[in-house]
Amino acid sequence: MKIKKFFYIKNGFLIIKSNSIKILKKNIEKEILDILKKILNLKGLKFHVSKNNYVGLMKYALKNDKKYSIFSSLYDLLPASTLINSLGSNKFFIKISKELGIKKPLIGSLPQVRIDRPKDKIRKTLLHQDYWYSFLSDNALTFWFSIGMINKKLGPLTIYPSTHLKGIYNFKDKNAGTLSAETKEKNLKKKKIILKDNEILVFHQKLLHASSDNIYNIPRVSVQIRYNDLYKLNKPQNSFRSVLSEFVKNEQKKFLIK
């Protein structure tokens, strides 16, 4: 598989095809399905066997989600998945990272599964740079791919080619899913990313990007894997920390001797 490194350097992104990616996506889809089934069972929700597939179960969960409790639980459990955790050390992603200039990959954040529900304005992914969540190596990159079906109505990722060459943008906090880039530039060239089953997107962390609105009838699910470069670090720091959940902290209080 030949990597178009010059295209990546110029445009700040690359779409890569591989049959192994198709298999990986299916495995992640099954993992999400298994965790979602357990959540529904714990919440006393019984689904018909006809819903026992990815799309059917996603629709059922969305319909029965009260105050975001189902998908909040899914967010809580997914980081504990051994499959999701293993993505950061996946040989395929590390190999591509090195071919694109990351000499010694460091995990920039735990692999993330993002769930964008239809018409969700509160957690909307605004125009931003991933670099804002690291600030550690100028060649940092992100792998992104969708799970399950993706189409124009599901809110595909929109990228702005070559904006990574313009440095770090200033931003505002609009209390959304991401910070929001502030720019007076008009008519920026943009490209909507609708990946096939065997495709992934990799982009420079200074590339501007955003999610389109999900106006479909199921959540859009995507995976992000971020890498810094040990040899390009500007400070001996890490960009994330693993902390105890609020559940554990609350349980500890029950046994704490004062």
Protein backbone atom coordinates (compact mmCIF):
# COMPACT_ATOMS: atom_id res chain seq x y z
CA MET A 1 0.00 0.00 0.00
CA LYS A 2 1.59 3.25 -1.18
CA ILE A 3 1.03 6.32 0.99
CA LYS A 4 0.68 9.67 -0.81
CA LYS A 5 2.82 11.63 1.63
CA PHE A 6 3.23 14.70 -0.64
CA PHE A 7 -0.58 14.99 -0.96
CA TYR A 8 -0.85 14.80 2.83
CA ILE A 9 1.81 17.48 3.37
CA LYS A 10 0.10 19.84 0.91
CA ASN A 11 -3.56 19.22 1.79
CA GLY A 12 -3.34 18.10 5.40
CA PHE A 13 -5.40 14.94 4.97
CA LEU A 14 -5.44 11.56 3.29
CA ILE A 15 -8.07 8.87 2.71
CA ILE A 16 -6.59 5.39 3.02
CA LYS A 17 -8.15 2.15 1.78
CA SER A 18 -7.53 -1.26 3.31
CA ASN A 19 -9.49 -4.50 3.67
CA SER A 20 -8.22 -4.78 7.24
CA ILE A 21 -10.04 -1.52 8.02
CA LYS A 22 -13.32 -3.02 6.83
CA ILE A 23 -12.85 -5.94 9.24
CA LEU A 24 -11.86 -3.62 12.10
CA LYS A 25 -14.95 -1.45 11.59
CA LYS A 26 -17.20 -4.51 11.75
CA ASN A 27 -15.53 -5.67 14.96
CA ILE A 28 -16.04 -2.24 16.54
CA GLU A 29 -19.66 -2.23 15.40
CA LYS A 30 -20.18 -5.59 17.11
CA GLU A 31 -18.46 -4.31 20.27
CA ILE A 32 -20.76 -1.29 20.42
CA LEU A 33 -23.75 -3.55 19.85
CA ASP A 34 -22.75 -5.89 22.72
CA ILE A 35 -22.23 -3.00 25.16
CA LEU A 36 -25.48 -1.33 24.11
CA LYS A 37 -27.42 -4.57 24.67
CA LYS A 38 -26.03 -4.83 28.20
CA ILE A 39 -26.98 -1.22 28.95
CA LEU A 40 -30.53 -1.78 27.73
CA ASN A 41 -30.83 -4.92 29.86
CA LEU A 42 -29.57 -3.12 32.98
CA LYS A 43 -32.12 -0.38 32.40
CA GLY A 44 -34.92 -2.93 32.08
CA LEU A 45 -35.53 -2.28 28.39
CA LYS A 46 -36.42 -5.34 26.33
CA PHE A 47 -35.98 -5.16 22.58
CA HIS A 48 -37.54 -7.44 19.97
CA VAL A 49 -35.28 -9.84 18.10
CA SER A 50 -36.01 -7.84 14.92
CA LYS A 51 -34.08 -4.95 16.54
CA ASN A 52 -31.07 -7.18 17.19
CA ASN A 53 -28.85 -5.48 14.62
CA TYR A 54 -26.76 -2.31 14.66
CA VAL A 55 -29.20 0.07 12.94
CA GLY A 56 -32.28 -1.43 14.59
CA LEU A 57 -30.78 -1.29 18.08
CA MET A 58 -29.50 2.27 17.57
CA LYS A 59 -33.01 3.39 16.58
CA TYR A 60 -34.53 1.59 19.56
CA ALA A 61 -32.02 3.12 21.98
CA LEU A 62 -32.60 6.60 20.58
CA LYS A 63 -36.37 6.24 20.87
CA ASN A 64 -36.15 5.07 24.51
CA ASP A 65 -33.34 7.34 25.65
CA LYS A 66 -34.61 9.41 28.56
CA LYS A 67 -32.49 12.43 29.44
CA TYR A 68 -29.56 11.02 27.46
CA SER A 69 -29.15 8.18 29.99
CA ILE A 70 -28.58 5.34 27.49
CA PHE A 71 -25.98 7.06 25.35
CA SER A 72 -24.35 8.59 28.41
CA SER A 73 -23.87 5.06 29.73
CA LEU A 74 -22.50 4.01 26.35
CA TYR A 75 -19.96 6.85 26.53
CA ASP A 76 -18.98 5.67 30.02
CA LEU A 77 -18.45 2.04 29.05
CA LEU A 78 -16.80 2.32 25.63
CA PRO A 79 -13.42 3.56 26.95
CA ALA A 80 -13.25 0.39 29.07
CA SER A 81 -13.53 -1.82 25.99
CA THR A 82 -10.33 -3.77 25.37
CA LEU A 83 -10.93 -3.48 21.62
CA ILE A 84 -11.33 0.31 21.72
CA ASN A 85 -8.32 0.68 24.01
CA SER A 86 -6.17 -1.46 21.70
CA LEU A 87 -6.68 0.92 18.76
CA GLY A 88 -3.92 3.20 20.03
CA SER A 89 -1.36 0.40 19.69
CA ASN A 90 -2.80 -0.98 16.44
CA LYS A 91 0.11 -1.78 14.11
CA PHE A 92 -1.75 -0.44 11.07
CA PHE A 93 -2.26 3.04 12.55
CA ILE A 94 1.29 3.20 13.90
CA LYS A 95 2.71 2.18 10.52
CA ILE A 96 0.73 4.87 8.66
CA SER A 97 1.70 7.46 11.29
CA LYS A 98 5.39 6.73 10.76
CA GLU A 99 5.03 6.90 6.98
CA LEU A 100 3.46 10.35 7.38
CA GLY A 101 6.32 11.67 9.50
CA ILE A 102 5.60 10.65 13.11
CA LYS A 103 8.96 9.16 14.05
CA LYS A 104 7.98 7.90 17.51
CA PRO A 105 4.19 7.82 17.99
CA LEU A 106 2.79 8.76 21.38
CA ILE A 107 -0.93 8.41 22.09
CA GLY A 108 -2.41 11.91 22.12
CA SER A 109 -5.61 10.82 23.83
CA LEU A 110 -7.32 7.56 24.60
CA PRO A 111 -9.07 6.26 21.45
CA GLN A 112 -12.46 7.93 21.38
CA VAL A 113 -15.86 6.81 20.12
CA ARG A 114 -18.08 9.81 19.43
CA ILE A 115 -21.87 9.54 19.20
CA ASP A 116 -23.73 12.39 17.46
CA ARG A 117 -27.46 12.11 17.98
CA PRO A 118 -29.88 13.62 15.43
CA LYS A 119 -30.39 17.39 15.79
CA ASP A 120 -28.17 17.59 18.88
CA LYS A 121 -27.09 21.24 19.08
CA ILE A 122 -25.60 21.09 22.59
CA ARG A 123 -22.78 18.67 21.75
CA LYS A 124 -22.27 19.83 18.16
CA THR A 125 -18.76 19.58 16.71
CA LEU A 126 -17.93 23.13 15.63
CA LEU A 127 -15.13 24.33 13.35
CA HIS A 128 -11.93 23.49 15.22
CA GLN A 129 -8.40 22.13 15.25
CA ASP A 130 -7.52 18.97 17.16
CA TYR A 131 -4.20 20.61 18.00
CA TRP A 132 -5.97 22.73 20.67
CA TYR A 133 -6.36 19.58 22.76
CA SER A 134 -2.66 18.77 22.77
CA PHE A 135 -0.26 21.62 21.84
CA LEU A 136 2.65 19.19 22.06
CA SER A 137 4.02 18.28 18.61
CA ASP A 138 3.59 20.28 15.42
CA ASN A 139 3.26 17.13 13.27
CA ALA A 140 0.52 15.52 15.42
CA LEU A 141 -2.18 13.71 13.46
CA THR A 142 -5.63 12.15 13.88
CA PHE A 143 -7.23 9.04 12.40
CA TRP A 144 -10.99 9.34 11.94
CA PHE A 145 -13.56 6.89 10.61
CA SER A 146 -17.27 6.28 10.85
CA ILE A 147 -18.93 3.12 12.18
CA GLY A 148 -22.01 1.74 10.46
CA MET A 149 -23.65 3.58 7.61
CA ILE A 150 -22.72 7.16 6.70
CA ASN A 151 -24.46 9.51 4.29
CA LYS A 152 -25.07 13.23 3.79
CA LYS A 153 -28.02 13.26 6.21
CA LEU A 154 -25.99 11.63 9.01
CA GLY A 155 -23.72 14.66 9.27
CA PRO A 156 -20.41 13.67 7.65
CA LEU A 157 -17.16 15.32 8.68
CA THR A 158 -16.28 18.48 6.74
CA ILE A 159 -12.59 19.31 6.33
CA TYR A 160 -10.89 22.44 5.00
CA PRO A 161 -7.87 21.37 2.91
CA SER A 162 -4.51 23.09 3.46
CA THR A 163 -5.68 25.13 6.48
CA HIS A 164 -3.08 23.26 8.55
CA LEU A 165 -0.45 25.39 6.83
CA LYS A 166 -1.85 28.56 8.40
CA GLY A 167 -0.83 27.78 11.97
CA ILE A 168 -2.92 27.79 15.13
CA TYR A 169 -6.26 29.58 14.95
CA ASN A 170 -7.71 31.55 17.85
CA PHE A 171 -10.93 30.15 19.25
CA LYS A 172 -13.95 30.79 21.46
CA ASP A 173 -15.74 28.55 23.93
CA LYS A 174 -19.38 28.40 22.82
CA ASN A 175 -20.31 25.65 25.28
CA ALA A 176 -20.68 23.04 22.55
CA GLY A 177 -19.03 19.71 21.78
CA THR A 178 -15.79 21.49 20.80
CA LEU A 179 -14.23 24.90 20.93
CA SER A 180 -14.94 27.13 17.92
CA ALA A 181 -12.34 28.60 15.54
CA GLU A 182 -12.43 32.34 14.96
CA THR A 183 -11.51 33.31 11.41
CA LYS A 184 -12.39 36.13 9.03
CA GLU A 185 -11.36 34.07 6.02
CA LYS A 186 -14.12 33.73 3.44
CA ASN A 187 -14.75 31.08 0.82
CA LEU A 188 -12.49 28.50 2.41
CA LYS A 189 -12.34 25.40 0.25
CA LYS A 190 -14.13 22.54 1.99
CA LYS A 191 -14.71 18.84 1.46
CA LYS A 192 -17.32 16.52 2.99
CA ILE A 193 -15.93 13.13 3.97
CA ILE A 194 -18.16 10.13 3.29
CA LEU A 195 -16.02 7.07 3.80
CA LYS A 196 -16.60 3.62 2.37
CA ASP A 197 -16.43 0.48 4.52
CA ASN A 198 -12.73 -0.03 3.71
CA GLU A 199 -11.63 3.61 4.14
CA ILE A 200 -10.26 5.77 6.95
CA LEU A 201 -9.34 9.43 7.09
CA VAL A 202 -6.07 10.69 8.56
CA PHE A 203 -5.48 14.42 8.96
CA HIS A 204 -3.00 16.89 10.43
CA GLN A 205 -4.16 18.15 13.82
CA LYS A 206 -3.94 21.77 12.66
CA LEU A 207 -6.42 21.11 9.85
CA LEU A 208 -9.73 22.91 10.35
CA HIS A 209 -12.71 20.57 10.40
CA ALA A 210 -16.27 20.29 11.71
CA SER A 211 -19.23 17.94 11.65
CA SER A 212 -22.29 18.61 9.54
CA ASP A 213 -25.70 18.44 11.22
CA ASN A 214 -27.10 14.95 11.72
CA ILE A 215 -30.65 15.15 10.35
CA TYR A 216 -31.09 11.39 9.97
CA ASN A 217 -33.01 9.00 12.28
CA ILE A 218 -30.03 7.30 13.97
CA PRO A 219 -26.91 8.56 15.77
CA ARG A 220 -23.73 8.96 13.79
CA VAL A 221 -20.89 7.03 15.40
CA SER A 222 -17.23 7.79 14.70
CA VAL A 223 -13.83 6.82 16.07
CA GLN A 224 -10.82 9.09 16.60
CA ILE A 225 -7.25 8.02 17.33
CA ARG A 226 -4.70 10.77 17.96
CA TYR A 227 -0.89 10.64 17.96
CA ASN A 228 1.84 13.04 19.04
CA ASP A 229 5.50 12.54 18.15
CA LEU A 230 7.99 11.90 20.97
CA TYR A 231 10.83 13.35 18.90
CA LYS A 232 8.89 16.55 18.15
CA LEU A 233 7.58 17.28 21.66
CA ASN A 234 8.01 20.91 22.69
CA LYS A 235 7.51 20.05 26.40
CA PRO A 236 7.90 16.86 28.46
CA GLN A 237 4.14 16.71 29.04
CA ASN A 238 1.21 14.45 28.28
CA SER A 239 -2.01 15.72 26.67
CA PHE A 240 -4.44 13.62 28.74
CA ARG A 241 -4.91 11.98 32.13
CA SER A 242 -6.90 8.95 33.24
CA VAL A 243 -8.97 9.78 36.31
CA LEU A 244 -11.45 7.94 38.53
CA SER A 245 -15.06 8.16 37.44
CA GLU A 246 -17.64 10.03 39.52
CA PHE A 247 -19.28 6.66 40.22
CA VAL A 248 -16.13 5.36 41.93
CA LYS A 249 -15.64 8.60 43.86
CA ASN A 250 -19.22 8.42 45.16
CA GLU A 251 -18.85 4.75 46.12
CA GLN A 252 -15.62 5.53 48.00
CA LYS A 253 -17.49 8.04 50.16
CA LYS A 254 -19.66 5.22 51.54
CA PHE A 255 -16.63 3.52 53.06
CA LEU A 256 -14.53 6.54 53.92
CA ILE A 257 -13.74 6.78 57.64
CA LYS A 258 -13.63 10.39 58.76
